[in-house]
Amino acid sequence: STAHYDRGEKFRHYRRLDSLKHYVLIHSEMMRVEHYEKQGDIWIQAGEYTNGFDSVSLSNLGIDVPLTEIYRRVSFNP
C-alpha cells in the first residue's frame, strides 16, 4: 500500500541525505527486491531481483544478502 510513496516522495527525501548510499525496496506480496545505489551524485538502479538464487549486493559495505534469507519466513498467496 505504500509502494508508490516509497518509490516517489519518500525516495526524493532520502536522496538528500549525503550519507545514504543504498536504497532497497522489498516487496511483500511477491519475491522482488529493487536496489538503488548512489554513484557520485547520481542514483542508479543497481539491480532488480526476483529469483531465490539472487543476492542483493551492497558493495561498499561488503554485504551480499540472498533473497532466500530476506523471504525466509514469508509465504506468498498464489
N, C-alpha and C. Protein backbone atom coordinates (compact mmCIF):
# COMPACT_ATOMS: atom_id res chain seq x y z
N SER A 1 0.81 -1.20 0.00
CA SER A 1 0.00 0.00 0.00
C SER A 1 0.85 1.26 0.00
N THR A 2 2.13 1.14 0.34
CA THR A 2 3.00 2.33 0.36
C THR A 2 3.99 2.36 -0.80
N ALA A 3 3.87 1.42 -1.72
CA ALA A 3 4.87 1.27 -2.80
C ALA A 3 5.05 2.57 -3.60
N HIS A 4 3.96 3.21 -3.97
CA HIS A 4 4.04 4.44 -4.76
C HIS A 4 4.80 5.52 -3.98
N TYR A 5 4.48 5.68 -2.71
CA TYR A 5 5.15 6.67 -1.86
C TYR A 5 6.63 6.32 -1.68
N ASP A 6 6.92 5.04 -1.46
CA ASP A 6 8.30 4.60 -1.24
C ASP A 6 9.20 4.88 -2.45
N ARG A 7 8.66 4.73 -3.66
CA ARG A 7 9.42 4.98 -4.88
C ARG A 7 9.47 6.46 -5.24
N GLY A 8 8.51 7.22 -4.78
CA GLY A 8 8.40 8.62 -5.17
C GLY A 8 8.88 9.60 -4.10
N GLU A 9 7.93 10.13 -3.37
CA GLU A 9 8.21 11.20 -2.41
C GLU A 9 9.22 10.79 -1.34
N LYS A 10 9.07 9.61 -0.79
CA LYS A 10 9.99 9.14 0.25
C LYS A 10 11.42 9.05 -0.29
N PHE A 11 11.58 8.48 -1.47
CA PHE A 11 12.90 8.34 -2.08
C PHE A 11 13.50 9.72 -2.36
N ARG A 12 12.68 10.66 -2.80
CA ARG A 12 13.17 12.03 -3.04
C ARG A 12 13.74 12.63 -1.75
N HIS A 13 13.07 12.41 -0.63
CA HIS A 13 13.56 12.92 0.66
C HIS A 13 14.88 12.25 1.04
N TYR A 14 14.94 10.93 0.92
CA TYR A 14 16.14 10.18 1.29
C TYR A 14 17.34 10.53 0.43
N ARG A 15 17.12 10.86 -0.84
CA ARG A 15 18.24 11.20 -1.73
C ARG A 15 18.98 12.44 -1.28
N ARG A 16 18.37 13.24 -0.43
CA ARG A 16 19.02 14.45 0.09
C ARG A 16 20.06 14.13 1.16
N LEU A 17 20.04 12.92 1.71
CA LEU A 17 20.98 12.54 2.75
C LEU A 17 22.32 12.16 2.13
N ASP A 18 23.36 12.90 2.44
CA ASP A 18 24.68 12.62 1.88
C ASP A 18 25.20 11.25 2.28
N SER A 19 24.85 10.79 3.47
CA SER A 19 25.38 9.52 3.97
C SER A 19 24.68 8.30 3.38
N LEU A 20 23.52 8.48 2.76
CA LEU A 20 22.78 7.35 2.20
C LEU A 20 23.40 6.93 0.87
N LYS A 21 23.77 5.66 0.76
CA LYS A 21 24.41 5.14 -0.45
C LYS A 21 23.57 4.08 -1.14
N HIS A 22 22.67 3.44 -0.41
CA HIS A 22 21.83 2.38 -0.95
C HIS A 22 20.38 2.61 -0.52
N TYR A 23 19.47 2.29 -1.41
CA TYR A 23 18.04 2.34 -1.12
C TYR A 23 17.46 1.04 -1.64
N VAL A 24 16.90 0.24 -0.76
CA VAL A 24 16.41 -1.09 -1.12
C VAL A 24 14.92 -1.18 -0.83
N LEU A 25 14.16 -1.58 -1.84
CA LEU A 25 12.72 -1.78 -1.70
C LEU A 25 12.44 -3.29 -1.73
N ILE A 26 11.80 -3.78 -0.69
CA ILE A 26 11.49 -5.20 -0.58
C ILE A 26 9.98 -5.36 -0.69
N HIS A 27 9.54 -6.06 -1.70
CA HIS A 27 8.11 -6.25 -1.93
C HIS A 27 7.58 -7.32 -0.99
N SER A 28 6.35 -7.13 -0.55
CA SER A 28 5.78 -8.06 0.42
C SER A 28 4.83 -9.09 -0.20
N GLU A 29 4.37 -8.83 -1.40
CA GLU A 29 3.39 -9.74 -2.00
C GLU A 29 3.98 -10.68 -3.04
N MET A 30 5.26 -10.48 -3.37
CA MET A 30 5.96 -11.34 -4.32
C MET A 30 7.45 -11.24 -4.02
N MET A 31 8.23 -12.21 -4.51
CA MET A 31 9.67 -12.16 -4.33
C MET A 31 10.24 -11.17 -5.34
N ARG A 32 10.49 -9.97 -4.85
CA ARG A 32 11.03 -8.92 -5.71
C ARG A 32 11.71 -7.88 -4.83
N VAL A 33 12.96 -7.61 -5.13
CA VAL A 33 13.73 -6.61 -4.41
C VAL A 33 14.34 -5.66 -5.43
N GLU A 34 14.17 -4.37 -5.20
CA GLU A 34 14.77 -3.35 -6.05
C GLU A 34 15.88 -2.67 -5.25
N HIS A 35 17.02 -2.50 -5.89
CA HIS A 35 18.18 -1.91 -5.22
C HIS A 35 18.65 -0.69 -6.02
N TYR A 36 18.70 0.44 -5.35
CA TYR A 36 19.22 1.68 -5.94
C TYR A 36 20.50 2.04 -5.21
N GLU A 37 21.49 2.52 -5.96
CA GLU A 37 22.79 2.83 -5.38
C GLU A 37 23.26 4.21 -5.86
N LYS A 38 23.82 4.95 -4.93
CA LYS A 38 24.35 6.27 -5.27
C LYS A 38 25.77 6.11 -5.79
N GLN A 39 26.01 6.62 -6.99
CA GLN A 39 27.35 6.60 -7.60
C GLN A 39 27.72 8.05 -7.90
N GLY A 40 28.58 8.59 -7.07
CA GLY A 40 28.89 10.01 -7.17
C GLY A 40 27.68 10.81 -6.73
N ASP A 41 27.17 11.64 -7.63
CA ASP A 41 25.97 12.43 -7.32
C ASP A 41 24.72 11.86 -7.98
N ILE A 42 24.85 10.69 -8.60
CA ILE A 42 23.75 10.11 -9.38
C ILE A 42 23.26 8.82 -8.73
N TRP A 43 21.93 8.65 -8.70
CA TRP A 43 21.32 7.41 -8.24
C TRP A 43 21.01 6.53 -9.44
N ILE A 44 21.42 5.26 -9.38
CA ILE A 44 21.12 4.32 -10.45
C ILE A 44 20.39 3.11 -9.86
N GLN A 45 19.64 2.42 -10.70
CA GLN A 45 19.06 1.16 -10.25
C GLN A 45 20.14 0.10 -10.43
N ALA A 46 20.67 -0.36 -9.31
CA ALA A 46 21.78 -1.32 -9.33
C ALA A 46 21.30 -2.73 -9.60
N GLY A 47 20.02 -3.00 -9.34
CA GLY A 47 19.52 -4.33 -9.59
C GLY A 47 18.06 -4.48 -9.23
N GLU A 48 17.44 -5.45 -9.88
CA GLU A 48 16.08 -5.86 -9.56
C GLU A 48 16.12 -7.38 -9.49
N TYR A 49 15.77 -7.93 -8.35
CA TYR A 49 15.96 -9.34 -8.09
C TYR A 49 14.62 -10.02 -7.85
N THR A 50 14.41 -11.15 -8.52
CA THR A 50 13.13 -11.86 -8.41
C THR A 50 13.31 -13.36 -8.24
N ASN A 51 14.53 -13.81 -8.13
CA ASN A 51 14.82 -15.23 -8.09
C ASN A 51 15.46 -15.56 -6.74
N GLY A 52 15.05 -16.66 -6.13
CA GLY A 52 15.60 -17.06 -4.85
C GLY A 52 17.09 -17.31 -4.88
N PHE A 53 17.66 -17.51 -6.06
CA PHE A 53 19.10 -17.72 -6.18
C PHE A 53 19.87 -16.41 -6.23
N ASP A 54 19.15 -15.28 -6.37
CA ASP A 54 19.79 -13.96 -6.43
C ASP A 54 20.22 -13.50 -5.04
N SER A 55 21.19 -12.60 -5.02
CA SER A 55 21.62 -11.93 -3.80
C SER A 55 21.69 -10.44 -4.05
N VAL A 56 21.30 -9.67 -3.05
CA VAL A 56 21.42 -8.21 -3.11
C VAL A 56 22.81 -7.87 -2.58
N SER A 57 23.60 -7.20 -3.40
CA SER A 57 24.97 -6.87 -3.03
C SER A 57 25.08 -5.38 -2.70
N LEU A 58 25.47 -5.11 -1.46
CA LEU A 58 25.75 -3.74 -1.03
C LEU A 58 27.27 -3.63 -0.99
N SER A 59 27.83 -3.36 -2.17
CA SER A 59 29.27 -3.50 -2.41
C SER A 59 30.15 -2.71 -1.45
N ASN A 60 29.84 -1.45 -1.21
CA ASN A 60 30.73 -0.66 -0.35
C ASN A 60 30.66 -1.09 1.11
N LEU A 61 29.66 -1.91 1.47
CA LEU A 61 29.56 -2.45 2.82
C LEU A 61 30.09 -3.88 2.90
N GLY A 62 30.37 -4.48 1.75
CA GLY A 62 30.85 -5.86 1.72
C GLY A 62 29.78 -6.86 2.13
N ILE A 63 28.53 -6.57 1.78
CA ILE A 63 27.41 -7.42 2.18
C ILE A 63 26.70 -7.98 0.97
N ASP A 64 26.41 -9.27 0.97
CA ASP A 64 25.56 -9.93 -0.01
C ASP A 64 24.45 -10.63 0.75
N VAL A 65 23.21 -10.27 0.46
CA VAL A 65 22.07 -10.85 1.16
C VAL A 65 21.24 -11.66 0.17
N PRO A 66 21.19 -12.99 0.32
CA PRO A 66 20.39 -13.82 -0.57
C PRO A 66 18.89 -13.56 -0.38
N LEU A 67 18.15 -13.58 -1.48
CA LEU A 67 16.71 -13.40 -1.37
C LEU A 67 16.08 -14.49 -0.51
N THR A 68 16.67 -15.67 -0.50
CA THR A 68 16.14 -16.73 0.34
C THR A 68 16.17 -16.34 1.81
N GLU A 69 17.14 -15.53 2.22
CA GLU A 69 17.19 -15.05 3.60
C GLU A 69 16.18 -13.94 3.85
N ILE A 70 16.05 -13.04 2.89
CA ILE A 70 15.10 -11.94 3.03
C ILE A 70 13.68 -12.48 3.18
N TYR A 71 13.35 -13.52 2.39
CA TYR A 71 11.99 -14.05 2.36
C TYR A 71 11.86 -15.39 3.11
N ARG A 72 12.79 -15.67 4.01
CA ARG A 72 12.83 -16.99 4.67
C ARG A 72 11.52 -17.37 5.34
N ARG A 73 10.85 -16.49 5.99
CA ARG A 73 9.61 -16.81 6.72
C ARG A 73 8.35 -16.25 6.05
N VAL A 74 8.44 -16.02 4.77
CA VAL A 74 7.32 -15.42 4.03
C VAL A 74 6.67 -16.46 3.15
N SER A 75 5.35 -16.52 3.21
CA SER A 75 4.56 -17.39 2.30
C SER A 75 3.75 -16.47 1.41
N PHE A 76 3.81 -16.74 0.11
CA PHE A 76 3.07 -15.94 -0.86
C PHE A 76 1.79 -16.65 -1.25
N ASN A 77 0.73 -15.87 -1.45
CA ASN A 77 -0.53 -16.42 -1.96
C ASN A 77 -0.39 -16.63 -3.46
N PRO A 78 -0.93 -17.74 -3.97
CA PRO A 78 -0.84 -18.00 -5.43
C PRO A 78 -1.63 -17.00 -6.24
